[in-house]
Amino acid sequence: MAIKHNVYEDGRAHSLTVDISRTRLTVLDRFSLEISRRSGRHSATVGVLEEGDHDFGIAKERETIIVLSGEITTEDGGEVSPQDLPIEYEKGERIRFRCFREVAYMCIYG
């Protein structure tokens, strides 16, 4: 898979999609994420979000979001920063949160 540039929300969110099959990720020295073979798709995005409210709709598969820089507030009022564990959205859940400044993130699918 070639690297793909994605633009969402009228240009307020940008990401790059990369193939991560056969990859073991270690993030922030606090935890490790093993990429499983649960689904046929093994990809991740790395991107940036502008300040403001973001609504990415309904998850089509499990999505794990890791905040690399900045901070977001989830719909249930939880605050997530680089010091925190990832946010997990299961298939069918709405992905919606607020950024109080620019945020860099990684999202793992499947």
Protein backbone atom coordinates (compact mmCIF):
# COMPACT_ATOMS: atom_id res chain seq x y z
CA MET A 1 0.00 0.00 0.00
CA ALA A 2 1.31 3.43 -0.88
CA ILE A 3 1.09 6.24 1.66
CA LYS A 4 -2.21 8.04 1.18
CA HIS A 5 -2.94 11.66 2.17
CA ASN A 6 -6.44 12.16 3.67
CA VAL A 7 -8.21 15.47 4.27
CA TYR A 8 -11.34 15.65 6.45
CA GLU A 9 -13.70 18.25 7.88
CA ASP A 10 -13.11 20.95 5.27
CA GLY A 11 -9.35 20.80 5.74
CA ARG A 12 -9.33 20.91 9.56
CA ALA A 13 -7.99 17.36 9.80
CA HIS A 14 -5.14 15.82 7.77
CA SER A 15 -3.66 12.34 7.99
CA LEU A 16 -1.38 9.91 6.22
CA THR A 17 -2.45 6.26 5.93
CA VAL A 18 0.33 3.67 6.23
CA ASP A 19 0.41 -0.14 6.10
CA ILE A 20 1.37 -1.57 9.49
CA SER A 21 0.94 -5.30 8.89
CA ARG A 22 3.69 -7.27 10.60
CA THR A 23 4.53 -4.24 12.75
CA ARG A 24 4.92 -4.04 16.51
CA LEU A 25 4.38 -0.53 17.86
CA THR A 26 5.77 0.76 21.12
CA VAL A 27 4.32 4.14 22.04
CA LEU A 28 5.49 6.65 24.67
CA ASP A 29 7.41 4.00 26.65
CA ARG A 30 4.28 3.45 28.81
CA PHE A 31 2.58 0.65 26.92
CA SER A 32 2.89 -1.47 23.81
CA LEU A 33 0.30 -2.20 21.16
CA GLU A 34 0.58 -5.48 19.29
CA ILE A 35 -1.10 -5.32 15.90
CA SER A 36 -3.39 -8.33 15.77
CA ARG A 37 -4.64 -10.24 12.77
CA ARG A 38 -8.33 -9.75 13.73
CA SER A 39 -9.28 -8.12 10.46
CA GLY A 40 -8.09 -8.10 6.87
CA ARG A 41 -7.08 -4.45 7.12
CA HIS A 42 -3.85 -3.58 8.84
CA SER A 43 -3.36 0.15 8.59
CA ALA A 44 -2.89 3.22 10.71
CA THR A 45 -3.07 6.94 10.21
CA VAL A 46 -0.81 9.61 11.63
CA GLY A 47 -2.23 13.09 11.50
CA VAL A 48 -2.99 16.52 12.86
CA LEU A 49 -6.27 18.10 13.99
CA GLU A 50 -6.98 21.80 14.26
CA GLU A 51 -8.46 23.28 17.41
CA GLY A 52 -12.24 22.80 17.71
CA ASP A 53 -14.94 20.14 17.65
CA HIS A 54 -14.43 17.05 15.49
CA ASP A 55 -17.05 14.48 14.48
CA PHE A 56 -15.77 11.58 12.38
CA GLY A 57 -19.08 9.73 12.34
CA ILE A 58 -19.62 6.07 13.17
CA ALA A 59 -16.61 3.72 13.41
CA LYS A 60 -16.73 1.09 10.65
CA GLU A 61 -14.28 -1.05 12.63
CA ARG A 62 -12.42 -0.79 15.93
CA GLU A 63 -10.27 2.36 16.11
CA THR A 64 -7.56 3.03 18.69
CA ILE A 65 -6.51 6.70 18.94
CA ILE A 66 -3.23 7.69 20.58
CA VAL A 67 -2.64 11.38 21.31
CA LEU A 68 1.00 12.23 20.49
CA SER A 69 0.86 15.98 21.17
CA GLY A 70 -1.86 18.25 22.53
CA GLU A 71 -5.01 17.23 24.36
CA ILE A 72 -8.54 16.22 23.46
CA THR A 73 -11.76 15.96 25.47
CA THR A 74 -14.05 13.05 24.66
CA GLU A 75 -17.86 13.20 24.60
CA ASP A 76 -18.06 11.73 28.10
CA GLY A 77 -15.81 14.51 29.44
CA GLY A 78 -12.60 12.49 29.62
CA GLU A 79 -9.39 14.38 28.89
CA VAL A 80 -6.72 12.56 26.89
CA SER A 81 -3.12 13.71 26.47
CA PRO A 82 0.16 11.99 25.48
CA GLN A 83 0.57 10.75 29.07
CA ASP A 84 -2.69 8.76 28.87
CA LEU A 85 -3.59 5.38 27.45
CA PRO A 86 -5.25 5.26 24.02
CA ILE A 87 -8.94 5.90 23.39
CA GLU A 88 -10.71 2.91 21.89
CA TYR A 89 -13.85 3.16 19.77
CA GLU A 90 -15.62 -0.07 18.90
CA LYS A 91 -17.38 -0.67 15.58
CA GLY A 92 -20.66 1.26 15.59
CA GLU A 93 -19.59 3.89 18.15
CA ARG A 94 -19.59 7.59 17.23
CA ILE A 95 -16.13 9.20 17.11
CA ARG A 96 -16.53 12.73 18.40
CA PHE A 97 -14.26 14.92 20.55
CA ARG A 98 -12.93 18.46 21.07
CA CYS A 99 -9.37 19.76 20.62
CA PHE A 100 -8.46 22.85 22.64
CA ARG A 101 -5.33 23.36 20.52
CA GLU A 102 -3.70 21.56 17.60
CA VAL A 103 -3.31 17.82 18.18
CA ALA A 104 -1.02 15.21 16.64
CA TYR A 105 -2.36 11.66 16.79
CA MET A 106 -2.07 8.10 15.58
CA CYS A 107 -5.12 5.94 14.82
CA ILE A 108 -4.84 2.15 14.48
CA TYR A 109 -7.64 0.31 12.67
CA GLY A 110 -8.86 -3.19 13.41
